[in-house]
Amino acid sequence: MRNYTFRKMTQQDFKARVNRIDPEFSRHGEVKKSFSSPARPVMSLIMGFGWAYLVISVARNRSHIENSLLQGNLPAEYHDYVFFMLAALLAVSAVMLGIHLFRFLMARRASTDKRNSGGLLAGALAAGALVYTPASVFDAGLGMIDQNSRSLIVAASSTANIDLASIAFVSSNGLN
């Protein structure tokens, strides 16, 4: 049987062992790695606009959603669950908007959190401004542009032939 000798490890022994196991750590010490998200203010602006426009549309069009559910194939006992989920969407969206406002106000001057939250808030503000702008303002704006631009806008809108009021939010019309 071998006789092992145990001795206390000194600081020099410890440094030599760390150098053998991880030479990078031995040379530079602990390096703090940051996993911050990159700044994408334009993407945040688009996402904020779409998110806020969806939430505002859901909040303003309860009667349309209810009529759509009545026309669809979903049983009536599940309609309440749909409205509960939409109410949860509105509540979570309000909380998230508050969190992004807090992040924007409390973040450092040039941080990516401030730019991303700022873009999201600007998109939400633009969606709110678009939804709540009266029709008379749009008519006044169209009256201020010249004849060529006006005819271009009218031609583009007549080419599309989409009546947004006639769109039904029904997933199927009995095609099952």
N, C-alpha and C. Protein backbone atom coordinates (compact mmCIF):
# COMPACT_ATOMS: atom_id res chain seq x y z
N MET A 1 0.83 -1.17 0.00
CA MET A 1 0.00 0.00 0.00
C MET A 1 0.88 1.24 0.00
N ARG A 2 0.46 2.24 -0.86
CA ARG A 2 1.26 3.46 -0.94
C ARG A 2 0.96 4.38 0.21
N ASN A 3 1.93 5.09 0.58
CA ASN A 3 1.80 6.05 1.64
C ASN A 3 1.73 7.45 1.01
N TYR A 4 0.55 8.09 1.09
CA TYR A 4 0.38 9.43 0.50
C TYR A 4 0.70 10.49 1.52
N THR A 5 1.33 11.53 1.00
CA THR A 5 1.64 12.65 1.86
C THR A 5 0.70 13.80 1.51
N PHE A 6 0.05 14.31 2.51
CA PHE A 6 -0.84 15.45 2.31
C PHE A 6 -0.15 16.68 2.83
N ARG A 7 -0.26 17.75 2.08
CA ARG A 7 0.26 19.01 2.56
C ARG A 7 -0.72 20.12 2.21
N LYS A 8 -0.64 21.18 2.93
CA LYS A 8 -1.54 22.30 2.71
C LYS A 8 -1.14 23.02 1.44
N MET A 9 -2.14 23.38 0.60
CA MET A 9 -1.88 24.07 -0.66
C MET A 9 -1.59 25.54 -0.37
N THR A 10 -0.51 26.04 -0.92
CA THR A 10 -0.15 27.43 -0.73
C THR A 10 -0.78 28.28 -1.83
N GLN A 11 -0.64 29.58 -1.69
CA GLN A 11 -1.17 30.50 -2.70
C GLN A 11 -0.47 30.28 -4.03
N GLN A 12 0.81 30.02 -4.00
CA GLN A 12 1.57 29.75 -5.24
C GLN A 12 1.06 28.49 -5.93
N ASP A 13 0.79 27.44 -5.14
CA ASP A 13 0.24 26.21 -5.72
C ASP A 13 -1.12 26.46 -6.35
N PHE A 14 -1.94 27.24 -5.67
CA PHE A 14 -3.27 27.53 -6.19
C PHE A 14 -3.19 28.30 -7.50
N LYS A 15 -2.33 29.31 -7.57
CA LYS A 15 -2.17 30.09 -8.81
C LYS A 15 -1.64 29.24 -9.94
N ALA A 16 -0.72 28.34 -9.64
CA ALA A 16 -0.19 27.44 -10.67
C ALA A 16 -1.28 26.50 -11.19
N ARG A 17 -2.12 26.01 -10.29
CA ARG A 17 -3.21 25.12 -10.71
C ARG A 17 -4.25 25.87 -11.55
N VAL A 18 -4.61 27.08 -11.13
CA VAL A 18 -5.55 27.89 -11.92
C VAL A 18 -4.96 28.19 -13.29
N ASN A 19 -3.66 28.45 -13.36
CA ASN A 19 -2.99 28.73 -14.63
C ASN A 19 -3.05 27.50 -15.55
N ARG A 20 -2.94 26.29 -14.97
CA ARG A 20 -3.05 25.08 -15.78
C ARG A 20 -4.49 24.85 -16.27
N ILE A 21 -5.46 25.13 -15.42
CA ILE A 21 -6.87 24.84 -15.76
C ILE A 21 -7.45 25.91 -16.68
N ASP A 22 -7.27 27.18 -16.33
CA ASP A 22 -7.86 28.27 -17.12
C ASP A 22 -6.85 29.41 -17.24
N PRO A 23 -6.01 29.36 -18.29
CA PRO A 23 -4.99 30.40 -18.42
C PRO A 23 -5.56 31.79 -18.68
N GLU A 24 -6.71 31.86 -19.35
CA GLU A 24 -7.34 33.17 -19.62
C GLU A 24 -7.74 33.85 -18.31
N PHE A 25 -8.34 33.10 -17.42
CA PHE A 25 -8.73 33.65 -16.13
C PHE A 25 -7.50 34.03 -15.31
N SER A 26 -6.46 33.23 -15.43
CA SER A 26 -5.23 33.49 -14.68
C SER A 26 -4.60 34.80 -15.11
N ARG A 27 -4.66 35.09 -16.41
CA ARG A 27 -4.06 36.33 -16.92
C ARG A 27 -4.92 37.56 -16.64
N HIS A 28 -6.23 37.48 -16.91
CA HIS A 28 -7.08 38.67 -16.89
C HIS A 28 -8.01 38.76 -15.69
N GLY A 29 -8.20 37.69 -14.97
CA GLY A 29 -9.14 37.71 -13.86
C GLY A 29 -10.56 37.54 -14.37
N GLU A 30 -11.51 37.77 -13.50
CA GLU A 30 -12.91 37.59 -13.87
C GLU A 30 -13.36 38.73 -14.79
N VAL A 31 -13.91 38.37 -15.91
CA VAL A 31 -14.41 39.36 -16.87
C VAL A 31 -15.93 39.32 -16.80
N LYS A 32 -16.51 40.46 -16.51
CA LYS A 32 -17.97 40.53 -16.42
C LYS A 32 -18.54 40.58 -17.82
N LYS A 33 -19.39 39.62 -18.14
CA LYS A 33 -20.01 39.55 -19.46
C LYS A 33 -21.37 40.20 -19.38
N SER A 34 -21.63 41.09 -20.31
CA SER A 34 -22.94 41.73 -20.34
C SER A 34 -23.75 41.14 -21.48
N PHE A 35 -24.99 40.90 -21.22
CA PHE A 35 -25.89 40.34 -22.21
C PHE A 35 -27.00 41.34 -22.49
N SER A 36 -26.63 42.56 -22.75
CA SER A 36 -27.65 43.57 -23.01
C SER A 36 -28.19 43.41 -24.42
N SER A 37 -29.43 43.77 -24.56
CA SER A 37 -30.05 43.67 -25.87
C SER A 37 -29.56 44.82 -26.74
N PRO A 38 -29.43 44.58 -28.03
CA PRO A 38 -28.97 45.66 -28.90
C PRO A 38 -30.05 46.72 -29.06
N ALA A 39 -29.63 47.92 -29.37
CA ALA A 39 -30.57 49.01 -29.56
C ALA A 39 -31.20 48.89 -30.94
N ARG A 40 -32.51 48.76 -30.97
CA ARG A 40 -33.27 48.70 -32.22
C ARG A 40 -34.46 49.65 -32.10
N PRO A 41 -34.23 50.95 -32.15
CA PRO A 41 -35.33 51.88 -31.94
C PRO A 41 -36.38 51.86 -33.05
N VAL A 42 -35.98 51.61 -34.29
CA VAL A 42 -36.96 51.59 -35.38
C VAL A 42 -37.85 50.35 -35.26
N MET A 43 -37.24 49.21 -34.95
CA MET A 43 -38.03 47.99 -34.75
C MET A 43 -38.96 48.16 -33.55
N SER A 44 -38.46 48.79 -32.50
CA SER A 44 -39.30 49.04 -31.33
C SER A 44 -40.45 49.99 -31.66
N LEU A 45 -40.20 50.97 -32.50
CA LEU A 45 -41.25 51.89 -32.92
C LEU A 45 -42.35 51.16 -33.68
N ILE A 46 -41.96 50.30 -34.60
CA ILE A 46 -42.94 49.54 -35.39
C ILE A 46 -43.72 48.58 -34.49
N MET A 47 -43.01 47.89 -33.60
CA MET A 47 -43.68 46.97 -32.68
C MET A 47 -44.61 47.72 -31.73
N GLY A 48 -44.19 48.86 -31.24
CA GLY A 48 -45.04 49.65 -30.36
C GLY A 48 -46.28 50.15 -31.06
N PHE A 49 -46.12 50.56 -32.31
CA PHE A 49 -47.28 51.02 -33.08
C PHE A 49 -48.27 49.88 -33.29
N GLY A 50 -47.77 48.73 -33.73
CA GLY A 50 -48.66 47.60 -33.99
C GLY A 50 -49.34 47.10 -32.72
N TRP A 51 -48.58 47.02 -31.64
CA TRP A 51 -49.11 46.55 -30.37
C TRP A 51 -50.20 47.50 -29.86
N ALA A 52 -49.91 48.79 -29.85
CA ALA A 52 -50.88 49.76 -29.34
C ALA A 52 -52.10 49.86 -30.25
N TYR A 53 -51.89 49.77 -31.56
CA TYR A 53 -53.03 49.83 -32.48
C TYR A 53 -53.95 48.64 -32.26
N LEU A 54 -53.38 47.45 -32.04
CA LEU A 54 -54.18 46.26 -31.76
C LEU A 54 -54.95 46.42 -30.46
N VAL A 55 -54.28 46.87 -29.43
CA VAL A 55 -54.92 47.02 -28.12
C VAL A 55 -56.03 48.07 -28.16
N ILE A 56 -55.76 49.19 -28.81
CA ILE A 56 -56.77 50.24 -28.91
C ILE A 56 -57.96 49.76 -29.74
N SER A 57 -57.69 49.03 -30.80
CA SER A 57 -58.78 48.52 -31.63
C SER A 57 -59.64 47.52 -30.86
N VAL A 58 -59.01 46.66 -30.07
CA VAL A 58 -59.77 45.71 -29.26
C VAL A 58 -60.61 46.45 -28.22
N ALA A 59 -60.03 47.47 -27.62
CA ALA A 59 -60.74 48.21 -26.57
C ALA A 59 -61.92 49.00 -27.14
N ARG A 60 -61.80 49.49 -28.35
CA ARG A 60 -62.86 50.34 -28.93
C ARG A 60 -63.95 49.54 -29.64
N ASN A 61 -63.69 48.31 -30.05
CA ASN A 61 -64.62 47.57 -30.89
C ASN A 61 -65.20 46.35 -30.21
N ARG A 62 -65.66 46.49 -29.00
CA ARG A 62 -66.24 45.35 -28.29
C ARG A 62 -67.49 44.85 -28.99
N SER A 63 -68.33 45.74 -29.46
CA SER A 63 -69.57 45.31 -30.10
C SER A 63 -69.28 44.55 -31.40
N HIS A 64 -68.28 44.99 -32.15
CA HIS A 64 -67.93 44.27 -33.39
C HIS A 64 -67.40 42.86 -33.07
N ILE A 65 -66.60 42.76 -32.02
CA ILE A 65 -66.08 41.45 -31.63
C ILE A 65 -67.21 40.55 -31.17
N GLU A 66 -68.15 41.12 -30.42
CA GLU A 66 -69.29 40.33 -29.95
C GLU A 66 -70.15 39.85 -31.11
N ASN A 67 -70.43 40.72 -32.07
CA ASN A 67 -71.20 40.32 -33.26
C ASN A 67 -70.46 39.26 -34.07
N SER A 68 -69.16 39.39 -34.17
CA SER A 68 -68.36 38.42 -34.90
C SER A 68 -68.41 37.05 -34.22
N LEU A 69 -68.35 37.04 -32.90
CA LEU A 69 -68.44 35.77 -32.17
C LEU A 69 -69.81 35.13 -32.34
N LEU A 70 -70.85 35.95 -32.39
CA LEU A 70 -72.20 35.40 -32.58
C LEU A 70 -72.37 34.81 -33.97
N GLN A 71 -71.69 35.36 -34.96
CA GLN A 71 -71.79 34.84 -36.33
C GLN A 71 -70.92 33.61 -36.55
N GLY A 72 -69.93 33.40 -35.72
CA GLY A 72 -68.99 32.30 -35.91
C GLY A 72 -69.50 30.98 -35.39
N ASN A 73 -68.65 29.98 -35.46
CA ASN A 73 -69.01 28.63 -35.05
C ASN A 73 -68.63 28.31 -33.61
N LEU A 74 -68.04 29.25 -32.90
CA LEU A 74 -67.63 29.01 -31.53
C LEU A 74 -68.87 28.93 -30.63
N PRO A 75 -68.98 27.88 -29.80
CA PRO A 75 -70.15 27.78 -28.92
C PRO A 75 -70.25 28.98 -27.98
N ALA A 76 -71.48 29.30 -27.60
CA ALA A 76 -71.75 30.52 -26.82
C ALA A 76 -71.10 30.47 -25.45
N GLU A 77 -70.89 29.29 -24.88
CA GLU A 77 -70.30 29.23 -23.54
C GLU A 77 -68.82 29.63 -23.53
N TYR A 78 -68.21 29.65 -24.70
CA TYR A 78 -66.79 30.05 -24.79
C TYR A 78 -66.61 31.53 -25.09
N HIS A 79 -67.68 32.25 -25.36
CA HIS A 79 -67.57 33.68 -25.66
C HIS A 79 -67.03 34.45 -24.46
N ASP A 80 -67.46 34.06 -23.27
CA ASP A 80 -66.95 34.74 -22.07
C ASP A 80 -65.45 34.56 -21.93
N TYR A 81 -64.95 33.36 -22.25
CA TYR A 81 -63.51 33.12 -22.16
C TYR A 81 -62.74 34.00 -23.14
N VAL A 82 -63.32 34.22 -24.31
CA VAL A 82 -62.67 35.10 -25.29
C VAL A 82 -62.58 36.51 -24.73
N PHE A 83 -63.68 36.99 -24.13
CA PHE A 83 -63.65 38.34 -23.56
C PHE A 83 -62.75 38.43 -22.34
N PHE A 84 -62.64 37.35 -21.56
CA PHE A 84 -61.70 37.34 -20.43
C PHE A 84 -60.27 37.46 -20.94
N MET A 85 -59.97 36.76 -22.02
CA MET A 85 -58.62 36.83 -22.59
C MET A 85 -58.34 38.22 -23.17
N LEU A 86 -59.33 38.80 -23.79
CA LEU A 86 -59.13 40.16 -24.32
C LEU A 86 -58.96 41.17 -23.19
N ALA A 87 -59.69 40.97 -22.09
CA ALA A 87 -59.51 41.84 -20.92
C ALA A 87 -58.11 41.64 -20.32
N ALA A 88 -57.63 40.39 -20.31
CA ALA A 88 -56.27 40.14 -19.83
C ALA A 88 -55.25 40.81 -20.75
N LEU A 89 -55.51 40.77 -22.06
CA LEU A 89 -54.62 41.45 -23.02
C LEU A 89 -54.55 42.94 -22.71
N LEU A 90 -55.69 43.55 -22.44
CA LEU A 90 -55.70 44.99 -22.13
C LEU A 90 -54.97 45.27 -20.82
N ALA A 91 -55.19 44.44 -19.81
CA ALA A 91 -54.53 44.66 -18.51
C ALA A 91 -53.02 44.48 -18.61
N VAL A 92 -52.59 43.41 -19.25
CA VAL A 92 -51.15 43.16 -19.39
C VAL A 92 -50.50 44.25 -20.24
N SER A 93 -51.20 44.71 -21.25
CA SER A 93 -50.66 45.78 -22.10
C SER A 93 -50.50 47.07 -21.32
N ALA A 94 -51.46 47.37 -20.45
CA ALA A 94 -51.33 48.59 -19.63
C ALA A 94 -50.14 48.47 -18.68
N VAL A 95 -49.96 47.29 -18.08
CA VAL A 95 -48.83 47.10 -17.17
C VAL A 95 -47.51 47.19 -17.93
N MET A 96 -47.45 46.57 -19.10
CA MET A 96 -46.21 46.61 -19.89
C MET A 96 -45.90 48.02 -20.37
N LEU A 97 -46.92 48.76 -20.73
CA LEU A 97 -46.71 50.15 -21.13
C LEU A 97 -46.15 50.95 -19.96
N GLY A 98 -46.67 50.69 -18.77
CA GLY A 98 -46.14 51.35 -17.58
C GLY A 98 -44.69 50.96 -17.30
N ILE A 99 -44.36 49.68 -17.50
CA ILE A 99 -42.99 49.23 -17.29
C ILE A 99 -42.05 49.90 -18.28
N HIS A 100 -42.47 50.01 -19.54
CA HIS A 100 -41.61 50.66 -20.53
C HIS A 100 -41.49 52.16 -20.24
N LEU A 101 -42.53 52.78 -19.74
CA LEU A 101 -42.44 54.19 -19.36
C LEU A 101 -41.45 54.35 -18.20
N PHE A 102 -41.51 53.45 -17.23
CA PHE A 102 -40.58 53.48 -16.11
C PHE A 102 -39.15 53.26 -16.59
N ARG A 103 -38.94 52.28 -17.49
CA ARG A 103 -37.60 52.03 -18.04
C ARG A 103 -37.08 53.25 -18.78
N PHE A 104 -37.96 53.90 -19.52
CA PHE A 104 -37.54 55.07 -20.29
C PHE A 104 -37.14 56.22 -19.36
N LEU A 105 -37.91 56.41 -18.32
CA LEU A 105 -37.63 57.53 -17.41
C LEU A 105 -36.43 57.27 -16.50
N MET A 106 -36.19 56.02 -16.15
CA MET A 106 -35.13 55.71 -15.19
C MET A 106 -33.83 55.23 -15.82
N ALA A 107 -33.79 54.98 -17.10
CA ALA A 107 -32.57 54.47 -17.73
C ALA A 107 -31.54 55.58 -17.90
N ARG A 108 -30.29 55.15 -18.03
CA ARG A 108 -29.22 56.12 -18.26
C ARG A 108 -29.42 56.80 -19.61
N ARG A 109 -28.72 57.86 -19.82
CA ARG A 109 -28.92 58.72 -20.98
C ARG A 109 -28.76 57.99 -22.31
N ALA A 110 -27.72 57.22 -22.49
CA ALA A 110 -27.44 56.62 -23.80
C ALA A 110 -27.58 55.10 -23.76
N SER A 111 -28.39 54.56 -22.87
CA SER A 111 -28.49 53.11 -22.78
C SER A 111 -29.43 52.55 -23.84
N THR A 112 -29.26 51.27 -24.14
CA THR A 112 -30.13 50.65 -25.13
C THR A 112 -31.54 50.49 -24.59
N ASP A 113 -31.70 50.35 -23.27
CA ASP A 113 -33.03 50.25 -22.69
C ASP A 113 -33.84 51.51 -22.96
N LYS A 114 -33.18 52.65 -22.86
CA LYS A 114 -33.87 53.91 -23.08
C LYS A 114 -34.28 54.05 -24.53
N ARG A 115 -33.40 53.66 -25.45
CA ARG A 115 -33.73 53.79 -26.87
C ARG A 115 -34.83 52.82 -27.28
N ASN A 116 -34.76 51.58 -26.80
CA ASN A 116 -35.79 50.60 -27.16
C ASN A 116 -37.14 50.95 -26.56
N SER A 117 -37.16 51.32 -25.29
CA SER A 117 -38.42 51.70 -24.66
C SER A 117 -38.96 53.00 -25.24
N GLY A 118 -38.06 53.91 -25.57
CA GLY A 118 -38.49 55.16 -26.18
C GLY A 118 -39.13 54.94 -27.54
N GLY A 119 -38.55 54.05 -28.33
CA GLY A 119 -39.15 53.73 -29.62
C GLY A 119 -40.51 53.09 -29.47
N LEU A 120 -40.62 52.18 -28.50
CA LEU A 120 -41.90 51.52 -28.26
C LEU A 120 -42.96 52.52 -27.80
N LEU A 121 -42.58 53.43 -26.93
CA LEU A 121 -43.53 54.44 -26.46
C LEU A 121 -43.90 55.42 -27.58
N ALA A 122 -42.95 55.76 -28.43
CA ALA A 122 -43.25 56.65 -29.56
C ALA A 122 -44.21 55.98 -30.54
N GLY A 123 -44.02 54.68 -30.78
CA GLY A 123 -44.94 53.95 -31.64
C GLY A 123 -46.33 53.87 -31.05
N ALA A 124 -46.42 53.64 -29.74
CA ALA A 124 -47.73 53.60 -29.08
C ALA A 124 -48.40 54.97 -29.12
N LEU A 125 -47.61 56.01 -28.96
CA LEU A 125 -48.16 57.37 -29.04
C LEU A 125 -48.66 57.68 -30.45
N ALA A 126 -47.92 57.25 -31.46
CA ALA A 126 -48.35 57.46 -32.84
C ALA A 126 -49.63 56.69 -33.15
N ALA A 127 -49.74 55.46 -32.63
CA ALA A 127 -50.97 54.68 -32.84
C ALA A 127 -52.15 55.36 -32.17
N GLY A 128 -51.95 55.85 -30.96
CA GLY A 128 -53.03 56.56 -30.27
C GLY A 128 -53.43 57.82 -31.01
N ALA A 129 -52.44 58.54 -31.53
CA ALA A 129 -52.75 59.76 -32.29
C ALA A 129 -53.50 59.43 -33.57
N LEU A 130 -53.12 58.35 -34.23
CA LEU A 130 -53.80 57.96 -35.47
C LEU A 130 -55.24 57.53 -35.21
N VAL A 131 -55.46 56.75 -34.16
CA VAL A 131 -56.80 56.24 -33.88
C VAL A 131 -57.73 57.35 -33.41
N TYR A 132 -57.24 58.25 -32.59
CA TYR A 132 -58.10 59.26 -32.00
C TYR A 132 -58.12 60.58 -32.76
N THR A 133 -57.50 60.64 -33.92
CA THR A 133 -57.56 61.85 -34.72
C THR A 133 -58.93 61.92 -35.41
N PRO A 134 -59.64 63.04 -35.28
CA PRO A 134 -60.95 63.13 -35.92
C PRO A 134 -60.85 63.12 -37.45
N ALA A 135 -61.92 62.68 -38.10
CA ALA A 135 -61.93 62.60 -39.57
C ALA A 135 -61.81 63.99 -40.20
N SER A 136 -62.28 65.01 -39.52
CA SER A 136 -62.19 66.36 -40.08
C SER A 136 -60.74 66.81 -40.24
N VAL A 137 -59.86 66.34 -39.37
CA VAL A 137 -58.45 66.69 -39.49
C VAL A 137 -57.84 66.06 -40.74
N PHE A 138 -58.21 64.80 -41.02
CA PHE A 138 -57.73 64.16 -42.24
C PHE A 138 -58.26 64.88 -43.48
N ASP A 139 -59.54 65.27 -43.43
CA ASP A 139 -60.11 65.99 -44.56
C ASP A 139 -59.43 67.35 -44.76
N ALA A 140 -59.13 68.03 -43.67
CA ALA A 140 -58.43 69.31 -43.77
C ALA A 140 -57.02 69.11 -44.31
N GLY A 141 -56.36 68.03 -43.90
CA GLY A 141 -55.02 67.74 -44.41
C GLY A 141 -55.04 67.43 -45.90
N LEU A 142 -56.04 66.68 -46.34
CA LEU A 142 -56.15 66.40 -47.78
C LEU A 142 -56.49 67.68 -48.55
N GLY A 143 -57.20 68.61 -47.92
CA GLY A 143 -57.52 69.87 -48.59
C GLY A 143 -56.31 70.77 -48.75
N MET A 144 -55.28 70.56 -47.95
CA MET A 144 -54.10 71.42 -48.00
C MET A 144 -53.08 70.99 -49.05
N ILE A 145 -53.16 69.75 -49.54
CA ILE A 145 -52.17 69.30 -50.52
C ILE A 145 -52.60 69.71 -51.92
N ASP A 146 -51.66 69.68 -52.84
CA ASP A 146 -51.96 70.14 -54.19
C ASP A 146 -52.78 69.08 -54.95
N GLN A 147 -53.25 69.47 -56.14
CA GLN A 147 -54.15 68.62 -56.93
C GLN A 147 -53.50 67.31 -57.36
N ASN A 148 -52.23 67.34 -57.73
CA ASN A 148 -51.56 66.12 -58.18
C ASN A 148 -51.47 65.08 -57.06
N SER A 149 -51.07 65.52 -55.89
CA SER A 149 -50.96 64.60 -54.76
C SER A 149 -52.33 64.07 -54.35
N ARG A 150 -53.33 64.94 -54.37
CA ARG A 150 -54.67 64.53 -54.01
C ARG A 150 -55.20 63.47 -54.97
N SER A 151 -54.97 63.68 -56.27
CA SER A 151 -55.45 62.70 -57.25
C SER A 151 -54.70 61.38 -57.11
N LEU A 152 -53.43 61.43 -56.73
CA LEU A 152 -52.67 60.20 -56.51
C LEU A 152 -53.23 59.42 -55.32
N ILE A 153 -53.55 60.08 -54.24
CA ILE A 153 -54.11 59.42 -53.06
C ILE A 153 -55.49 58.85 -53.36
N VAL A 154 -56.31 59.61 -54.08
CA VAL A 154 -57.65 59.12 -54.42
C VAL A 154 -57.56 57.92 -55.36
N ALA A 155 -56.64 57.95 -56.31
CA ALA A 155 -56.47 56.82 -57.24
C ALA A 155 -55.98 55.58 -56.49
N ALA A 156 -55.07 55.75 -55.56
CA ALA A 156 -54.57 54.61 -54.80
C ALA A 156 -55.66 54.01 -53.92
N SER A 157 -56.47 54.85 -53.30
CA SER A 157 -57.53 54.33 -52.44
C SER A 157 -58.66 53.70 -53.25
N SER A 158 -58.94 54.19 -54.45
CA SER A 158 -59.99 53.59 -55.27
C SER A 158 -59.51 52.29 -55.91
N THR A 159 -58.22 52.15 -56.13
CA THR A 159 -57.68 50.91 -56.70
C THR A 159 -57.77 49.77 -55.70
N ALA A 160 -57.59 50.06 -54.42
CA ALA A 160 -57.61 49.02 -53.40
C ALA A 160 -58.99 48.39 -53.25
N ASN A 161 -60.05 49.19 -53.34
CA ASN A 161 -61.43 48.71 -53.22
C ASN A 161 -61.66 47.86 -51.97
N ILE A 162 -61.16 48.31 -50.87
CA ILE A 162 -61.35 47.60 -49.61
C ILE A 162 -62.19 48.49 -48.71
N ASP A 163 -63.35 47.97 -48.34
CA ASP A 163 -64.20 48.66 -47.38
C ASP A 163 -63.96 48.03 -46.02
N LEU A 164 -63.24 48.73 -45.17
CA LEU A 164 -62.85 48.16 -43.89
C LEU A 164 -64.05 47.88 -42.99
N ALA A 165 -65.17 48.56 -43.20
CA ALA A 165 -66.35 48.31 -42.39
C ALA A 165 -67.00 46.98 -42.74
N SER A 166 -66.76 46.48 -43.95
CA SER A 166 -67.41 45.23 -44.36
C SER A 166 -66.59 43.99 -43.99
N ILE A 167 -65.43 44.15 -43.40
CA ILE A 167 -64.61 43.00 -43.02
C ILE A 167 -65.19 42.37 -41.76
N ALA A 168 -65.44 41.07 -41.81
CA ALA A 168 -65.98 40.34 -40.64
C ALA A 168 -64.84 39.55 -40.01
N PHE A 169 -64.82 39.54 -38.70
CA PHE A 169 -63.78 38.83 -37.97
C PHE A 169 -64.23 37.40 -37.66
N VAL A 170 -64.68 36.68 -38.66
CA VAL A 170 -65.16 35.32 -38.48
C VAL A 170 -64.12 34.39 -39.06
N SER A 171 -63.75 33.36 -38.30
CA SER A 171 -62.70 32.45 -38.77
C SER A 171 -63.20 31.52 -39.84
N SER A 172 -64.46 31.15 -39.81
CA SER A 172 -65.00 30.29 -40.86
C SER A 172 -66.49 30.58 -41.03
N ASN A 173 -66.99 30.38 -42.20
CA ASN A 173 -68.40 30.62 -42.48
C ASN A 173 -69.12 29.31 -42.72
N GLY A 174 -68.94 28.35 -41.86
CA GLY A 174 -69.62 27.08 -41.97
C GLY A 174 -69.05 26.19 -43.06
N LEU A 175 -67.77 26.31 -43.36
CA LEU A 175 -67.15 25.50 -44.41
C LEU A 175 -66.66 24.17 -43.87
N ASN A 176 -66.94 23.86 -42.64
CA ASN A 176 -66.44 22.61 -42.04
C ASN A 176 -67.17 21.42 -42.59
